[in-house]
C-alpha atoms as a PDB file:
ATOM      1  CA  UNK A   1      58.866  -5.445 181.030  1.00  0.00           C
ATOM      2  CA  UNK A   2      62.803  -4.601 180.076  1.00  0.00           C
ATOM      3  CA  UNK A   3      64.665  -1.561 181.511  1.00  0.00           C
ATOM      4  CA  UNK A   4      63.015   0.830 179.188  1.00  0.00           C
ATOM      5  CA  UNK A   5      59.985   0.682 181.963  1.00  0.00           C
ATOM      6  CA  UNK A   6      60.732   1.821 185.141  1.00  0.00           C
ATOM      7  CA  UNK A   7      58.574   3.563 188.291  1.00  0.00           C
ATOM      8  CA  UNK A   8      59.428   6.679 188.936  1.00  0.00           C
ATOM      9  CA  UNK A   9      58.450   8.967 191.561  1.00  0.00           C
ATOM     10  CA  UNK A  10      57.159  11.623 190.062  1.00  0.00           C
ATOM     11  CA  UNK A  11      57.325  13.393 193.190  1.00  0.00           C
ATOM     12  CA  UNK A  12      61.178  13.056 193.947  1.00  0.00           C
ATOM     13  CA  UNK A  13      62.207  13.746 190.831  1.00  0.00           C
ATOM     14  CA  UNK A  14      60.108  17.596 190.849  1.00  0.00           C
ATOM     15  CA  UNK A  15      61.957  18.086 194.339  1.00  0.00           C
ATOM     16  CA  UNK A  16      65.614  17.080 193.234  1.00  0.00           C
ATOM     17  CA  UNK A  17      64.964  19.423 189.718  1.00  0.00           C
ATOM     18  CA  UNK A  18      63.724  22.056 192.122  1.00  0.00           C
ATOM     19  CA  UNK A  19      66.501  21.868 194.455  1.00  0.00           C
ATOM     20  CA  UNK A  20      69.303  21.572 191.529  1.00  0.00           C
ATOM     21  CA  UNK A  21      67.580  25.006 189.643  1.00  0.00           C
ATOM     22  CA  UNK A  22      67.320  26.708 193.026  1.00  0.00           C
ATOM     23  CA  UNK A  23      70.961  26.091 193.298  1.00  0.00           C
ATOM     24  CA  UNK A  24      71.829  27.305 190.045  1.00  0.00           C
ATOM     25  CA  UNK A  25      70.080  30.775 190.279  1.00  0.00           C
ATOM     26  CA  UNK A  26      71.371  31.069 193.638  1.00  0.00           C
ATOM     27  CA  UNK A  27      74.248  33.792 193.011  1.00  0.00           C
ATOM     28  CA  UNK A  28      71.900  34.888 189.718  1.00  0.00           C
ATOM     29  CA  UNK A  29      69.482  36.132 192.572  1.00  0.00           C
ATOM     30  CA  UNK A  30      72.321  37.671 194.597  1.00  0.00           C
ATOM     31  CA  UNK A  31      73.695  39.518 192.157  1.00  0.00           C
ATOM     32  CA  UNK A  32      70.750  40.959 191.298  1.00  0.00           C
ATOM     33  CA  UNK A  33      69.606  41.676 194.737  1.00  0.00           C
ATOM     34  CA  UNK A  34      73.176  43.842 195.317  1.00  0.00           C
ATOM     35  CA  UNK A  35      72.369  45.904 192.366  1.00  0.00           C
ATOM     36  CA  UNK A  36      68.874  46.772 192.989  1.00  0.00           C
ATOM     37  CA  UNK A  37      70.367  47.864 196.151  1.00  0.00           C
ATOM     38  CA  UNK A  38      73.400  49.396 194.826  1.00  0.00           C
ATOM     39  CA  UNK A  39      70.875  51.894 193.245  1.00  0.00           C
ATOM     40  CA  UNK A  40      71.204  55.671 194.106  1.00  0.00           C
ATOM     41  CA  UNK A  41      68.618  56.751 196.521  1.00  0.00           C
ATOM     42  CA  UNK A  42      65.638  59.482 194.950  1.00  0.00           C
ATOM     43  CA  UNK A  43      66.109  63.062 194.493  1.00  0.00           C
ATOM     44  CA  UNK A  44      65.312  65.691 197.387  1.00  0.00           C
ATOM     45  CA  UNK A  45      62.905  68.803 196.429  1.00  0.00           C
ATOM     46  CA  UNK A  46      66.181  70.619 196.616  1.00  0.00           C
ATOM     47  CA  UNK A  47      68.021  68.728 194.018  1.00  0.00           C
ATOM     48  CA  UNK A  48      65.162  68.413 191.867  1.00  0.00           C
ATOM     49  CA  UNK A  49      65.532  72.110 191.588  1.00  0.00           C
ATOM     50  CA  UNK A  50      68.879  72.097 190.344  1.00  0.00           C
ATOM     51  CA  UNK A  51      68.193  70.001 187.450  1.00  0.00           C
ATOM     52  CA  UNK A  52      68.277  72.076 184.550  1.00  0.00           C
ATOM     53  CA  UNK A  53      64.929  72.780 183.193  1.00  0.00           C
ATOM     54  CA  UNK A  54      63.953  73.593 179.812  1.00  0.00           C
ATOM     55  CA  UNK A  55      61.397  75.229 177.462  1.00  0.00           C
ATOM     56  CA  UNK A  56      60.976  72.967 173.975  1.00  0.00           C
ATOM     57  CA  UNK A  57      60.532  74.717 170.695  1.00  0.00           C
ATOM     58  CA  UNK A  58      58.972  73.106 167.518  1.00  0.00           C
ATOM     59  CA  UNK A  59      62.355  72.709 165.289  1.00  0.00           C
ATOM     60  CA  UNK A  60      62.800  74.195 161.912  1.00  0.00           C
ATOM     61  CA  UNK A  61      61.597  71.997 158.712  1.00  0.00           C
ATOM     62  CA  UNK A  62      65.134  71.051 158.133  1.00  0.00           C
ATOM     63  CA  UNK A  63      66.345  70.338 161.451  1.00  0.00           C
ATOM     64  CA  UNK A  64      63.618  67.515 161.886  1.00  0.00           C
ATOM     65  CA  UNK A  65      65.554  65.068 159.755  1.00  0.00           C
ATOM     66  CA  UNK A  66      68.929  65.976 161.794  1.00  0.00           C
ATOM     67  CA  UNK A  67      66.951  65.466 165.492  1.00  0.00           C
ATOM     68  CA  UNK A  68      66.590  61.833 166.818  1.00  0.00           C
ATOM     69  CA  UNK A  69      63.116  61.041 167.363  1.00  0.00           C
ATOM     70  CA  UNK A  70      64.476  60.330 170.705  1.00  0.00           C
ATOM     71  CA  UNK A  71      65.708  64.043 171.502  1.00  0.00           C
ATOM     72  CA  UNK A  72      61.427  64.725 170.229  1.00  0.00           C
ATOM     73  CA  UNK A  73      59.417  62.027 171.860  1.00  0.00           C
ATOM     74  CA  UNK A  74      59.160  62.101 175.898  1.00  0.00           C
ATOM     75  CA  UNK A  75      59.866  57.503 176.442  1.00  0.00           C
ATOM     76  CA  UNK A  76      58.183  57.725 179.966  1.00  0.00           C
ATOM     77  CA  UNK A  77      54.766  58.875 178.746  1.00  0.00           C
ATOM     78  CA  UNK A  78      56.108  58.234 174.841  1.00  0.00           C
ATOM     79  CA  UNK A  79      54.390  61.419 173.712  1.00  0.00           C
ATOM     80  CA  UNK A  80      56.207  64.057 171.258  1.00  0.00           C
ATOM     81  CA  UNK A  81      57.496  67.115 172.468  1.00  0.00           C
ATOM     82  CA  UNK A  82      55.033  70.120 172.266  1.00  0.00           C
ATOM     83  CA  UNK A  83      56.039  73.589 171.761  1.00  0.00           C
ATOM     84  CA  UNK A  84      56.505  75.546 175.629  1.00  0.00           C
ATOM     85  CA  UNK A  85      57.125  71.658 177.134  1.00  0.00           C
ATOM     86  CA  UNK A  86      58.783  71.945 180.354  1.00  0.00           C
ATOM     87  CA  UNK A  87      61.587  69.270 179.906  1.00  0.00           C
ATOM     88  CA  UNK A  88      63.969  68.494 182.205  1.00  0.00           C
ATOM     89  CA  UNK A  89      67.560  67.241 180.834  1.00  0.00           C
ATOM     90  CA  UNK A  90      69.419  65.004 182.315  1.00  0.00           C
ATOM     91  CA  UNK A  91      73.338  65.215 182.447  1.00  0.00           C
ATOM     92  CA  UNK A  92      73.211  62.366 180.690  1.00  0.00           C
ATOM     93  CA  UNK A  93      71.203  64.407 177.508  1.00  0.00           C
ATOM     94  CA  UNK A  94      67.952  62.480 177.702  1.00  0.00           C
ATOM     95  CA  UNK A  95      65.125  64.750 178.253  1.00  0.00           C
ATOM     96  CA  UNK A  96      61.241  64.032 179.586  1.00  0.00           C
ATOM     97  CA  UNK A  97      58.627  65.806 180.707  1.00  0.00           C
ATOM     98  CA  UNK A  98      58.711  67.550 184.171  1.00  0.00           C
ATOM     99  CA  UNK A  99      55.543  66.106 185.335  1.00  0.00           C
ATOM    100  CA  UNK A 100      56.802  62.630 184.106  1.00  0.00           C
ATOM    101  CA  UNK A 101      59.976  62.595 185.283  1.00  0.00           C
ATOM    102  CA  UNK A 102      59.309  63.456 188.920  1.00  0.00           C
ATOM    103  CA  UNK A 103      57.689  60.960 189.884  1.00  0.00           C
ATOM    104  CA  UNK A 104      60.569  58.433 189.087  1.00  0.00           C
ATOM    105  CA  UNK A 105      63.589  60.670 190.433  1.00  0.00           C
ATOM    106  CA  UNK A 106      61.846  61.324 194.034  1.00  0.00           C
ATOM    107  CA  UNK A 107      61.934  57.545 194.512  1.00  0.00           C
ATOM    108  CA  UNK A 108      65.347  56.443 191.936  1.00  0.00           C
ATOM    109  CA  UNK A 109      68.133  59.059 190.976  1.00  0.00           C
ATOM    110  CA  UNK A 110      69.186  57.627 187.639  1.00  0.00           C
ATOM    111  CA  UNK A 111      67.897  58.660 184.320  1.00  0.00           C
ATOM    112  CA  UNK A 112      65.133  56.287 183.707  1.00  0.00           C
ATOM    113  CA  UNK A 113      66.566  55.219 179.810  1.00  0.00           C
ATOM    114  CA  UNK A 114      70.166  55.023 180.287  1.00  0.00           C
ATOM    115  CA  UNK A 115      70.495  54.275 184.496  1.00  0.00           C
ATOM    116  CA  UNK A 116      73.191  56.437 184.822  1.00  0.00           C
ATOM    117  CA  UNK A 117      73.605  57.603 188.254  1.00  0.00           C
ATOM    118  CA  UNK A 118      71.634  61.897 188.213  1.00  0.00           C
ATOM    119  CA  UNK A 119      74.665  64.065 189.841  1.00  0.00           C
ATOM    120  CA  UNK A 120      73.481  67.008 191.235  1.00  0.00           C
ATOM    121  CA  UNK A 121      75.657  70.518 191.088  1.00  0.00           C
ATOM    122  CA  UNK A 122      74.469  72.956 193.370  1.00  0.00           C
ATOM    123  CA  UNK A 123      73.913  76.541 193.470  1.00  0.00           C
ATOM    124  CA  UNK A 124      73.626  79.146 195.737  1.00  0.00           C
END
């Protein structure tokens, strides 16, 4: 037998690959953990009540072509807005059904679409 054929312990190879893989991805997993911990906290009931709420009105036929589909659909439930739907309009401009967005903002204080922090202005 020549040099082309050598006995290799597969267990050693898997262990070596695993160590190399883990050391290579360690910086990535650390940065992901830091990003998750940087996410803003969820909104309180008081903050939620300060968000801009609007009623959806079906646009005129001539306006439909001009309005992006993103502004006619809820990106959480993927349903089109209907006449009279209660929408929350976030500071970033994205709009959602109130009932779709509420569970999200209670746990995470950013827009589920663009991830921009939801800054709330409290009014007295």
